[in-house]
PDB file of N, CA and C in Angstrom:
ATOM      1  N   MET A   1       0.604  -1.411  -0.114  1.00  0.00           N
ATOM      2  CA  MET A   1       0.079  -0.111   0.025  1.00  0.00           C
ATOM      3  C   MET A   1       0.631   1.224   0.066  1.00  0.00           C
ATOM      4  N   ARG A   2       0.556   1.988  -0.978  1.00  0.00           N
ATOM      5  CA  ARG A   2       1.172   3.542  -0.917  1.00  0.00           C
ATOM      6  C   ARG A   2       0.765   4.473   0.182  1.00  0.00           C
ATOM      7  N   THR A   3       2.015   4.805   0.848  1.00  0.00           N
ATOM      8  CA  THR A   3       1.281   5.803   1.654  1.00  0.00           C
ATOM      9  C   THR A   3       2.459   7.280   1.829  1.00  0.00           C
ATOM     10  N   ARG A   4       2.129   8.292   2.159  1.00  0.00           N
ATOM     11  CA  ARG A   4       2.397   9.518   2.091  1.00  0.00           C
ATOM     12  C   ARG A   4       3.521   9.946   3.386  1.00  0.00           C
ATOM     13  N   HIS A   5       4.519  10.648   2.973  1.00  0.00           N
ATOM     14  CA  HIS A   5       5.011  11.240   4.384  1.00  0.00           C
ATOM     15  C   HIS A   5       5.900  12.075   3.880  1.00  0.00           C
ATOM     16  N   GLU A   6       6.670  12.986   5.061  1.00  0.00           N
ATOM     17  CA  GLU A   6       7.466  13.822   4.734  1.00  0.00           C
ATOM     18  C   GLU A   6       8.905  13.674   5.615  1.00  0.00           C
ATOM     19  N   ILE A   7       9.919  14.492   5.614  1.00  0.00           N
ATOM     20  CA  ILE A   7      10.767  13.600   6.027  1.00  0.00           C
ATOM     21  C   ILE A   7      11.914  15.599   6.082  1.00  0.00           C
ATOM     22  N   LYS A   8      12.364  15.856   7.379  1.00  0.00           N
ATOM     23  CA  LYS A   8      13.239  16.968   7.354  1.00  0.00           C
ATOM     24  C   LYS A   8      14.545  16.464   6.536  1.00  0.00           C
ATOM     25  N   ALA A   9      15.288  17.249   6.077  1.00  0.00           N
ATOM     26  CA  ALA A   9      16.856  17.083   5.606  1.00  0.00           C
ATOM     27  C   ALA A   9      17.230  18.820   5.590  1.00  0.00           C
ATOM     28  N   TRP A  10      18.541  18.403   5.232  1.00  0.00           N
ATOM     29  CA  TRP A  10      19.520  20.036   5.196  1.00  0.00           C
ATOM     30  C   TRP A  10      20.129  19.992   3.576  1.00  0.00           C
ATOM     31  N   ALA A  11      19.697  20.845   3.178  1.00  0.00           N
ATOM     32  CA  ALA A  11      20.484  21.246   1.474  1.00  0.00           C
ATOM     33  C   ALA A  11      21.212  21.790   1.759  1.00  0.00           C
ATOM     34  N   PRO A  12      22.133  21.556   0.787  1.00  0.00           N
ATOM     35  CA  PRO A  12      23.402  22.010   0.728  1.00  0.00           C
ATOM     36  C   PRO A  12      23.795  22.988  -0.272  1.00  0.00           C
ATOM     37  N   PHE A  13      22.717  24.477   0.081  1.00  0.00           N
ATOM     38  CA  PHE A  13      22.343  25.392  -0.462  1.00  0.00           C
ATOM     39  C   PHE A  13      22.907  26.440   0.485  1.00  0.00           C
ATOM     40  N   GLY A  14      23.954  27.522  -0.704  1.00  0.00           N
ATOM     41  CA  GLY A  14      24.230  28.890   0.821  1.00  0.00           C
ATOM     42  C   GLY A  14      25.949  28.882   0.740  1.00  0.00           C
ATOM     43  N   LEU A  15      26.191  29.518   1.430  1.00  0.00           N
ATOM     44  CA  LEU A  15      27.438  29.721   1.819  1.00  0.00           C
ATOM     45  C   LEU A  15      28.034  28.276   3.070  1.00  0.00           C
ATOM     46  N   GLN A  16      27.204  27.603   3.526  1.00  0.00           N
ATOM     47  CA  GLN A  16      27.893  26.441   4.471  1.00  0.00           C
ATOM     48  C   GLN A  16      26.943  25.369   3.613  1.00  0.00           C
ATOM     49  N   PRO A  17      27.907  24.367   3.687  1.00  0.00           N
ATOM     50  CA  PRO A  17      27.130  22.729   3.260  1.00  0.00           C
ATOM     51  C   PRO A  17      26.103  22.559   4.220  1.00  0.00           C
ATOM     52  N   ASP A  18      24.872  21.936   4.055  1.00  0.00           N
ATOM     53  CA  ASP A  18      23.987  21.669   4.740  1.00  0.00           C
ATOM     54  C   ASP A  18      23.183  22.758   5.718  1.00  0.00           C
ATOM     55  N   SER A  19      23.186  23.619   5.027  1.00  0.00           N
ATOM     56  CA  SER A  19      22.723  25.514   5.840  1.00  0.00           C
ATOM     57  C   SER A  19      21.687  25.210   5.686  1.00  0.00           C
ATOM     58  N   LEU A  20      20.387  25.000   4.618  1.00  0.00           N
ATOM     59  CA  LEU A  20      19.142  25.074   4.598  1.00  0.00           C
ATOM     60  C   LEU A  20      18.164  23.677   4.970  1.00  0.00           C
ATOM     61  N   GLU A  21      17.420  24.139   6.143  1.00  0.00           N
ATOM     62  CA  GLU A  21      16.614  23.277   6.382  1.00  0.00           C
ATOM     63  C   GLU A  21      15.167  22.946   5.560  1.00  0.00           C
ATOM     64  N   VAL A  22      15.055  21.790   4.927  1.00  0.00           N
ATOM     65  CA  VAL A  22      13.755  21.454   4.032  1.00  0.00           C
ATOM     66  C   VAL A  22      13.148  20.633   4.393  1.00  0.00           C
ATOM     67  N   LEU A  23      11.778  20.273   3.727  1.00  0.00           N
ATOM     68  CA  LEU A  23      10.727  19.556   4.579  1.00  0.00           C
ATOM     69  C   LEU A  23      10.623  18.712   2.872  1.00  0.00           C
ATOM     70  N   ILE A  24      10.812  17.468   3.106  1.00  0.00           N
ATOM     71  CA  ILE A  24      10.181  16.740   1.864  1.00  0.00           C
ATOM     72  C   ILE A  24       9.374  15.534   1.956  1.00  0.00           C
ATOM     73  N   GLN A  25       9.061  15.834   0.915  1.00  0.00           N
ATOM     74  CA  GLN A  25       7.284  15.024   0.760  1.00  0.00           C
ATOM     75  C   GLN A  25       7.272  14.083  -0.070  1.00  0.00           C
ATOM     76  N   TYR A  26       6.978  12.727   0.052  1.00  0.00           N
ATOM     77  CA  TYR A  26       7.500  11.753  -1.050  1.00  0.00           C
ATOM     78  C   TYR A  26       6.321  10.839  -0.775  1.00  0.00           C
ATOM     79  N   THR A  27       6.163   9.878  -1.541  1.00  0.00           N
ATOM     80  CA  THR A  27       5.446   8.353  -1.391  1.00  0.00           C
ATOM     81  C   THR A  27       6.156   7.085  -1.259  1.00  0.00           C
ATOM     82  N   TYR A  28       5.765   6.271  -0.016  1.00  0.00           N
ATOM     83  CA  TYR A  28       6.314   5.175  -0.136  1.00  0.00           C
ATOM     84  C   TYR A  28       5.842   4.209  -0.587  1.00  0.00           C
ATOM     85  N   THR A  29       6.334   3.181  -0.953  1.00  0.00           N
ATOM     86  CA  THR A  29       5.607   1.614  -1.251  1.00  0.00           C
ATOM     87  C   THR A  29       6.448   0.564  -0.688  1.00  0.00           C
ATOM     88  N   PRO A  30       5.943  -0.079   0.234  1.00  0.00           N
ATOM     89  CA  PRO A  30       7.052  -1.366   0.939  1.00  0.00           C
ATOM     90  C   PRO A  30       7.449  -2.216  -0.210  1.00  0.00           C
ATOM     91  N   GLY A  31       8.537  -2.894  -0.067  1.00  0.00           N
ATOM     92  CA  GLY A  31       9.107  -3.440  -0.940  1.00  0.00           C
ATOM     93  C   GLY A  31       8.642  -4.961  -0.431  1.00  0.00           C
ATOM     94  N   ASN A  32       9.425  -6.435  -0.997  1.00  0.00           N
ATOM     95  CA  ASN A  32       8.790  -7.529  -1.029  1.00  0.00           C
ATOM     96  C   ASN A  32       9.833  -8.413  -0.187  1.00  0.00           C
ATOM     97  N   ALA A  33      10.010  -9.075   0.552  1.00  0.00           N
ATOM     98  CA  ALA A  33      10.861  -9.883   1.212  1.00  0.00           C
ATOM     99  C   ALA A  33      11.793 -10.964   0.234  1.00  0.00           C
ATOM    100  N   ALA A  34      13.278 -11.072   0.513  1.00  0.00           N
ATOM    101  CA  ALA A  34      13.754 -11.786  -0.526  1.00  0.00           C
ATOM    102  C   ALA A  34      13.511 -13.190  -0.235  1.00  0.00           C
ATOM    103  N   VAL A  35      12.473 -13.936   0.679  1.00  0.00           N
ATOM    104  CA  VAL A  35      12.236 -15.077   0.427  1.00  0.00           C
ATOM    105  C   VAL A  35      10.912 -15.273   0.396  1.00  0.00           C
ATOM    106  N   LEU A  36      10.243 -16.364  -0.381  1.00  0.00           N
ATOM    107  CA  LEU A  36       9.005 -16.577  -0.272  1.00  0.00           C
ATOM    108  C   LEU A  36       8.800 -17.991   0.041  1.00  0.00           C
ATOM    109  N   TYR A  37       7.851 -18.418   0.881  1.00  0.00           N
ATOM    110  CA  TYR A  37       7.689 -19.578   1.135  1.00  0.00           C
ATOM    111  C   TYR A  37       8.953 -20.810   1.321  1.00  0.00           C
ATOM    112  N   GLY A  38      10.034 -20.345   1.486  1.00  0.00           N
ATOM    113  CA  GLY A  38      11.165 -20.716   1.980  1.00  0.00           C
ATOM    114  C   GLY A  38      11.990 -20.818   0.482  1.00  0.00           C
ATOM    115  N   THR A  39      11.661 -20.636  -0.491  1.00  0.00           N
ATOM    116  CA  THR A  39      12.277 -19.973  -1.888  1.00  0.00           C
ATOM    117  C   THR A  39      12.921 -19.024  -1.932  1.00  0.00           C
ATOM    118  N   PRO A  40      14.205 -18.784  -1.915  1.00  0.00           N
ATOM    119  CA  PRO A  40      15.236 -17.600  -2.031  1.00  0.00           C
ATOM    120  C   PRO A  40      14.409 -16.632  -3.626  1.00  0.00           C
ATOM    121  N   GLN A  41      14.221 -15.821  -3.539  1.00  0.00           N
ATOM    122  CA  GLN A  41      13.903 -14.504  -4.830  1.00  0.00           C
ATOM    123  C   GLN A  41      14.033 -13.575  -4.734  1.00  0.00           C
ATOM    124  N   PRO A  42      14.297 -12.845  -5.538  1.00  0.00           N
ATOM    125  CA  PRO A  42      14.751 -11.472  -6.055  1.00  0.00           C
ATOM    126  C   PRO A  42      14.081 -10.529  -5.141  1.00  0.00           C
ATOM    127  N   ALA A  43      14.425  -9.844  -4.282  1.00  0.00           N
ATOM    128  CA  ALA A  43      14.075  -8.780  -3.101  1.00  0.00           C
ATOM    129  C   ALA A  43      13.856  -7.555  -4.145  1.00  0.00           C
ATOM    130  N   ASP A  44      12.433  -7.154  -3.634  1.00  0.00           N
ATOM    131  CA  ASP A  44      11.983  -5.879  -4.397  1.00  0.00           C
ATOM    132  C   ASP A  44      11.769  -4.949  -3.621  1.00  0.00           C
ATOM    133  N   PRO A  45      13.004  -3.796  -3.461  1.00  0.00           N
ATOM    134  CA  PRO A  45      13.357  -2.679  -2.471  1.00  0.00           C
ATOM    135  C   PRO A  45      12.332  -1.836  -2.235  1.00  0.00           C
ATOM    136  N   ALA A  46      12.014  -1.436  -1.237  1.00  0.00           N
ATOM    137  CA  ALA A  46      10.869  -0.271  -1.123  1.00  0.00           C
ATOM    138  C   ALA A  46      10.987   0.925  -2.301  1.00  0.00           C
ATOM    139  N   GLU A  47       9.843   1.227  -2.550  1.00  0.00           N
ATOM    140  CA  GLU A  47       9.774   2.685  -3.793  1.00  0.00           C
ATOM    141  C   GLU A  47       9.263   3.852  -2.879  1.00  0.00           C
ATOM    142  N   LEU A  48      10.383   4.990  -3.198  1.00  0.00           N
ATOM    143  CA  LEU A  48       9.868   6.438  -2.846  1.00  0.00           C
ATOM    144  C   LEU A  48       9.742   7.057  -4.116  1.00  0.00           C
ATOM    145  N   ASP A  49       8.864   8.298  -4.228  1.00  0.00           N
ATOM    146  CA  ASP A  49       8.618   8.631  -5.197  1.00  0.00           C
ATOM    147  C   ASP A  49       8.701  10.327  -4.384  1.00  0.00           C
ATOM    148  N   PHE A  50       9.320  11.393  -5.116  1.00  0.00           N
ATOM    149  CA  PHE A  50       9.493  12.341  -4.757  1.00  0.00           C
ATOM    150  C   PHE A  50       8.149  13.556  -5.320  1.00  0.00           C
ATOM    151  N   GLU A  51       7.507  13.818  -4.567  1.00  0.00           N
ATOM    152  CA  GLU A  51       6.656  14.991  -4.801  1.00  0.00           C
ATOM    153  C   GLU A  51       7.040  15.931  -4.331  1.00  0.00           C
ATOM    154  N   SER A  52       7.218  16.537  -3.306  1.00  0.00           N
ATOM    155  CA  SER A  52       7.497  18.203  -3.175  1.00  0.00           C
ATOM    156  C   SER A  52       8.686  18.481  -2.378  1.00  0.00           C
ATOM    157  N   VAL A  53       9.147  19.916  -2.346  1.00  0.00           N
ATOM    158  CA  VAL A  53      10.200  20.129  -1.415  1.00  0.00           C
ATOM    159  C   VAL A  53       9.883  21.767  -0.877  1.00  0.00           C
ATOM    160  N   LYS A  54       9.843  22.000   0.314  1.00  0.00           N
ATOM    161  CA  LYS A  54      10.281  23.557   0.309  1.00  0.00           C
ATOM    162  C   LYS A  54      11.017  23.443   1.564  1.00  0.00           C
ATOM    163  N   LEU A  55      10.994  25.005   1.688  1.00  0.00           N
ATOM    164  CA  LEU A  55      12.357  25.368   2.536  1.00  0.00           C
ATOM    165  C   LEU A  55      11.819  25.310   3.973  1.00  0.00           C
ATOM    166  N   VAL A  56      12.095  25.120   5.323  1.00  0.00           N
ATOM    167  CA  VAL A  56      11.458  25.503   6.390  1.00  0.00           C
ATOM    168  C   VAL A  56      11.453  26.622   7.000  1.00  0.00           C
ATOM    169  N   HIS A  57      12.541  27.693   6.992  1.00  0.00           N
ATOM    170  CA  HIS A  57      12.772  28.829   7.361  1.00  0.00           C
ATOM    171  C   HIS A  57      13.152  29.891   6.561  1.00  0.00           C
ATOM    172  N   HIS A  58      13.394  29.743   5.195  1.00  0.00           N
ATOM    173  CA  HIS A  58      13.251  30.328   4.305  1.00  0.00           C
ATOM    174  C   HIS A  58      12.497  30.698   3.270  1.00  0.00           C
ATOM    175  N   GLN A  59      12.249  31.702   2.267  1.00  0.00           N
ATOM    176  CA  GLN A  59      11.416  31.659   1.042  1.00  0.00           C
ATOM    177  C   GLN A  59      12.866  31.659  -0.237  1.00  0.00           C
ATOM    178  N   ILE A  60      12.392  30.826  -0.937  1.00  0.00           N
ATOM    179  CA  ILE A  60      12.995  30.480  -2.251  1.00  0.00           C
ATOM    180  C   ILE A  60      12.622  31.323  -3.586  1.00  0.00           C
ATOM    181  N   ASP A  61      13.751  31.551  -4.346  1.00  0.00           N
ATOM    182  CA  ASP A  61      13.093  32.660  -5.448  1.00  0.00           C
ATOM    183  C   ASP A  61      12.485  31.122  -6.262  1.00  0.00           C
ATOM    184  N   GLU A  62      11.640  31.506  -7.431  1.00  0.00           N
ATOM    185  CA  GLU A  62      11.303  30.227  -8.194  1.00  0.00           C
ATOM    186  C   GLU A  62      12.133  29.644  -9.444  1.00  0.00           C
ATOM    187  N   SER A  63      13.540  30.486  -9.523  1.00  0.00           N
ATOM    188  CA  SER A  63      14.450  30.105 -10.307  1.00  0.00           C
ATOM    189  C   SER A  63      14.802  29.273  -9.463  1.00  0.00           C
ATOM    190  N   MET A  64      15.447  28.910  -8.512  1.00  0.00           N
ATOM    191  CA  MET A  64      16.057  27.919  -7.814  1.00  0.00           C
ATOM    192  C   MET A  64      15.370  26.627  -7.156  1.00  0.00           C
ATOM    193  N   GLN A  65      14.065  27.122  -7.476  1.00  0.00           N
ATOM    194  CA  GLN A  65      12.910  26.078  -6.746  1.00  0.00           C
ATOM    195  C   GLN A  65      13.234  24.874  -7.502  1.00  0.00           C
ATOM    196  N   LEU A  66      13.410  24.826  -8.972  1.00  0.00           N
ATOM    197  CA  LEU A  66      13.613  23.531  -9.908  1.00  0.00           C
ATOM    198  C   LEU A  66      14.865  22.762  -9.416  1.00  0.00           C
ATOM    199  N   MET A  67      16.203  23.689  -8.957  1.00  0.00           N
ATOM    200  CA  MET A  67      17.260  22.987  -8.472  1.00  0.00           C
ATOM    201  C   MET A  67      17.262  22.141  -7.059  1.00  0.00           C
ATOM    202  N   LEU A  68      16.356  22.766  -6.150  1.00  0.00           N
ATOM    203  CA  LEU A  68      15.842  22.498  -5.036  1.00  0.00           C
ATOM    204  C   LEU A  68      15.177  20.886  -5.429  1.00  0.00           C
ATOM    205  N   ASP A  69      14.238  21.336  -6.429  1.00  0.00           N
ATOM    206  CA  ASP A  69      13.215  19.820  -6.307  1.00  0.00           C
ATOM    207  C   ASP A  69      14.076  18.827  -7.279  1.00  0.00           C
ATOM    208  N   GLU A  70      15.244  18.926  -7.919  1.00  0.00           N
ATOM    209  CA  GLU A  70      15.903  18.347  -8.145  1.00  0.00           C
ATOM    210  C   GLU A  70      16.690  17.740  -7.322  1.00  0.00           C
ATOM    211  N   TRP A  71      17.417  18.219  -6.156  1.00  0.00           N
ATOM    212  CA  TRP A  71      18.214  17.720  -5.043  1.00  0.00           C
ATOM    213  C   TRP A  71      17.560  16.948  -4.546  1.00  0.00           C
ATOM    214  N   ALA A  72      16.340  17.289  -4.173  1.00  0.00           N
ATOM    215  CA  ALA A  72      15.447  16.588  -3.280  1.00  0.00           C
ATOM    216  C   ALA A  72      15.237  14.951  -3.767  1.00  0.00           C
ATOM    217  N   ALA A  73      14.897  14.980  -4.593  1.00  0.00           N
ATOM    218  CA  ALA A  73      14.422  13.569  -5.762  1.00  0.00           C
ATOM    219  C   ALA A  73      15.980  12.827  -5.536  1.00  0.00           C
ATOM    220  N   GLU A  74      17.035  13.579  -6.133  1.00  0.00           N
ATOM    221  CA  GLU A  74      17.891  12.700  -5.932  1.00  0.00           C
ATOM    222  C   GLU A  74      18.445  12.474  -4.132  1.00  0.00           C
ATOM    223  N   TYR A  75      18.140  13.350  -3.423  1.00  0.00           N
ATOM    224  CA  TYR A  75      18.467  12.716  -1.904  1.00  0.00           C
ATOM    225  C   TYR A  75      17.580  11.557  -1.392  1.00  0.00           C
ATOM    226  N   ILE A  76      16.915  11.453  -1.615  1.00  0.00           N
ATOM    227  CA  ILE A  76      15.335  10.536  -1.199  1.00  0.00           C
ATOM    228  C   ILE A  76      16.021   8.934  -2.094  1.00  0.00           C
ATOM    229  N   SER A  77      16.483   9.438  -3.015  1.00  0.00           N
ATOM    230  CA  SER A  77      16.500   8.109  -3.866  1.00  0.00           C
ATOM    231  C   SER A  77      18.278   7.770  -3.647  1.00  0.00           C
ATOM    232  N   GLY A  78      18.641   8.646  -2.781  1.00  0.00           N
ATOM    233  CA  GLY A  78      20.473   8.506  -2.597  1.00  0.00           C
ATOM    234  C   GLY A  78      20.538   7.939  -1.156  1.00  0.00           C
ATOM    235  N   ASP A  79      21.521   9.348  -0.545  1.00  0.00           N
ATOM    236  CA  ASP A  79      22.346   9.338   0.534  1.00  0.00           C
ATOM    237  C   ASP A  79      20.718   9.197   1.659  1.00  0.00           C
ATOM    238  N   GLY A  80      19.697   9.671   1.297  1.00  0.00           N
ATOM    239  CA  GLY A  80      18.548   9.737   2.487  1.00  0.00           C
ATOM    240  C   GLY A  80      17.467   8.701   2.150  1.00  0.00           C
ATOM    241  N   TYR A  81      17.649   7.459   1.341  1.00  0.00           N
ATOM    242  CA  TYR A  81      16.803   6.507   1.084  1.00  0.00           C
ATOM    243  C   TYR A  81      16.397   5.890   2.285  1.00  0.00           C
ATOM    244  N   TRP A  82      17.583   5.649   2.806  1.00  0.00           N
ATOM    245  CA  TRP A  82      17.265   4.712   4.020  1.00  0.00           C
ATOM    246  C   TRP A  82      16.365   5.595   5.351  1.00  0.00           C
ATOM    247  N   ASP A  83      16.851   6.935   5.603  1.00  0.00           N
ATOM    248  CA  ASP A  83      16.277   7.597   6.708  1.00  0.00           C
ATOM    249  C   ASP A  83      14.786   7.835   5.989  1.00  0.00           C
ATOM    250  N   ALA A  84      14.823   8.105   5.103  1.00  0.00           N
ATOM    251  CA  ALA A  84      13.323   7.946   4.353  1.00  0.00           C
ATOM    252  C   ALA A  84      12.000   6.808   4.603  1.00  0.00           C
ATOM    253  N   CYS A  85      12.815   5.378   4.248  1.00  0.00           N
ATOM    254  CA  CYS A  85      11.770   4.528   4.218  1.00  0.00           C
ATOM    255  C   CYS A  85      11.783   4.028   5.928  1.00  0.00           C
ATOM    256  N   GLU A  86      13.013   4.714   6.936  1.00  0.00           N
ATOM    257  CA  GLU A  86      12.704   4.381   8.086  1.00  0.00           C
ATOM    258  C   GLU A  86      11.691   5.074   8.720  1.00  0.00           C
ATOM    259  N   LYS A  87      11.739   6.633   8.297  1.00  0.00           N
ATOM    260  CA  LYS A  87      10.379   7.265   8.546  1.00  0.00           C
ATOM    261  C   LYS A  87       9.185   7.039   8.411  1.00  0.00           C
ATOM    262  N   ALA A  88       8.871   6.321   6.958  1.00  0.00           N
ATOM    263  CA  ALA A  88       7.629   5.831   6.475  1.00  0.00           C
ATOM    264  C   ALA A  88       7.415   4.609   7.507  1.00  0.00           C
ATOM    265  N   CYS A  89       8.278   3.855   7.651  1.00  0.00           N
ATOM    266  CA  CYS A  89       7.929   2.659   8.385  1.00  0.00           C
ATOM    267  C   CYS A  89       7.725   3.214  10.031  1.00  0.00           C
ATOM    268  N   ASP A  90       8.415   4.099  10.824  1.00  0.00           N
ATOM    269  CA  ASP A  90       7.865   4.844  11.629  1.00  0.00           C
ATOM    270  C   ASP A  90       6.582   5.088  11.938  1.00  0.00           C
ATOM    271  N   ASP A  91       6.475   5.862  10.828  1.00  0.00           N
ATOM    272  CA  ASP A  91       5.005   6.638  11.086  1.00  0.00           C
ATOM    273  C   ASP A  91       3.757   5.546  10.228  1.00  0.00           C
ATOM    274  N   GLY A  92       4.003   4.331  10.169  1.00  0.00           N
ATOM    275  CA  GLY A  92       3.072   3.443   9.792  1.00  0.00           C
ATOM    276  C   GLY A  92       3.051   2.152  11.251  1.00  0.00           C
ATOM    277  N   ASP A  93       4.043   2.754  12.344  1.00  0.00           N
ATOM    278  CA  ASP A  93       3.718   2.114  13.234  1.00  0.00           C
ATOM    279  C   ASP A  93       2.737   2.750  14.060  1.00  0.00           C
ATOM    280  N   ARG A  94       2.892   4.518  14.382  1.00  0.00           N
ATOM    281  CA  ARG A  94       1.861   5.072  14.897  1.00  0.00           C
ATOM    282  C   ARG A  94       0.407   5.255  14.308  1.00  0.00           C
ATOM    283  N   THR A  95       0.172   4.536  13.142  1.00  0.00           N
ATOM    284  CA  THR A  95      -1.355   4.578  13.138  1.00  0.00           C
ATOM    285  C   THR A  95      -2.273   3.401  13.164  1.00  0.00           C
TER     286      THR A  95
END
Protein backbone atom coordinates (compact mmCIF):
# COMPACT_ATOMS: atom_id res chain seq x y z
CA MET A 1 0.00 0.00 0.00
CA ARG A 2 1.37 3.40 -1.01
CA THR A 3 1.50 6.01 1.75
CA ARG A 4 2.52 9.70 1.87
CA HIS A 5 5.20 11.00 4.24
CA GLU A 6 7.54 13.90 4.86
CA ILE A 7 11.05 14.11 6.19
CA LYS A 8 13.28 16.99 7.23
CA ALA A 9 16.73 17.26 5.69
CA TRP A 10 19.50 19.83 5.20
CA ALA A 11 20.07 21.04 1.66
CA PRO A 12 23.60 22.06 0.60
CA PHE A 13 22.65 25.52 -0.67
CA GLY A 14 24.15 28.79 0.43
CA LEU A 15 27.52 29.52 1.95
CA GLN A 16 27.59 26.54 4.32
CA PRO A 17 27.10 22.92 3.30
CA ASP A 18 23.87 21.60 4.82
CA SER A 19 22.78 25.16 5.54
CA LEU A 20 19.07 25.14 4.68
CA GLU A 21 16.49 23.00 6.45
CA VAL A 22 13.94 21.56 4.03
CA LEU A 23 10.80 19.46 4.28
CA ILE A 24 10.58 16.76 1.60
CA GLN A 25 7.23 15.14 0.83
CA TYR A 26 7.27 11.72 -0.81
CA THR A 27 5.27 8.54 -1.23
CA TYR A 28 6.44 5.17 0.08
CA THR A 29 5.60 1.74 -1.29
CA PRO A 30 7.00 -1.15 0.81
CA GLY A 31 9.19 -3.72 -0.88
CA ASN A 32 8.88 -7.50 -0.83
CA ALA A 33 10.96 -9.95 1.15
CA ALA A 34 13.81 -11.85 -0.47
CA VAL A 35 12.37 -15.25 0.57
CA LEU A 36 8.93 -16.54 -0.36
CA TYR A 37 7.74 -19.82 1.20
CA GLY A 38 11.31 -20.82 1.96
CA THR A 39 12.46 -20.27 -1.64
CA PRO A 40 14.97 -17.49 -2.31
CA GLN A 41 13.53 -14.84 -4.58
CA PRO A 42 14.91 -11.53 -5.85
CA ALA A 43 14.13 -8.83 -3.31
CA ASP A 44 12.02 -5.89 -4.38
CA PRO A 45 13.25 -2.79 -2.54
CA ALA A 46 10.85 -0.20 -1.16
CA GLU A 47 9.98 2.55 -3.63
CA LEU A 48 10.14 6.24 -2.80
CA ASP A 49 8.61 8.80 -5.14
CA PHE A 50 9.46 12.46 -4.66
CA GLU A 51 6.46 14.80 -4.52
CA SER A 52 7.66 18.21 -3.31
CA VAL A 53 10.17 20.10 -1.21
CA LYS A 54 10.02 23.44 0.57
CA LEU A 55 12.34 25.43 2.77
CA VAL A 56 11.38 25.38 6.44
CA HIS A 57 12.61 28.83 7.54
CA HIS A 58 13.25 30.71 4.30
CA GLN A 59 11.66 31.69 1.03
CA ILE A 60 13.19 30.57 -2.25
CA ASP A 61 13.20 32.28 -5.61
CA GLU A 62 11.18 30.37 -8.23
CA SER A 63 14.26 30.02 -10.41
CA MET A 64 16.01 28.14 -7.57
CA GLN A 65 13.05 25.87 -6.78
CA LEU A 66 13.81 23.58 -9.73
CA MET A 67 17.35 23.03 -8.43
CA LEU A 68 15.98 22.29 -4.96
CA ASP A 69 13.42 19.85 -6.42
CA GLU A 70 16.18 18.03 -8.31
CA TRP A 71 18.38 17.87 -5.22
CA ALA A 72 15.53 16.53 -3.03
CA ALA A 73 14.52 13.86 -5.57
CA GLU A 74 18.14 12.71 -5.79
CA TYR A 75 18.52 12.84 -1.99
CA ILE A 76 15.63 10.47 -1.22
CA SER A 77 16.80 8.03 -3.88
CA GLY A 78 20.42 8.23 -2.68
CA ASP A 79 21.89 9.40 0.63
CA GLY A 80 18.51 9.87 2.31
CA TYR A 81 16.88 6.66 1.05
CA TRP A 82 17.20 4.64 4.26
CA ASP A 83 16.23 7.58 6.48
CA ALA A 84 13.10 8.15 4.38
CA CYS A 85 12.21 4.42 4.49
CA GLU A 86 12.73 4.34 8.26
CA LYS A 87 10.57 7.47 8.69
CA ALA A 88 7.78 5.90 6.62
CA CYS A 89 7.92 2.70 8.70
CA ASP A 90 7.92 4.71 11.94
CA ASP A 91 4.90 6.70 10.72
CA GLY A 92 3.12 3.41 9.94
CA ASP A 93 3.76 2.09 13.46
CA ARG A 94 1.90 5.05 14.93
CA THR A 95 -1.28 4.58 12.90
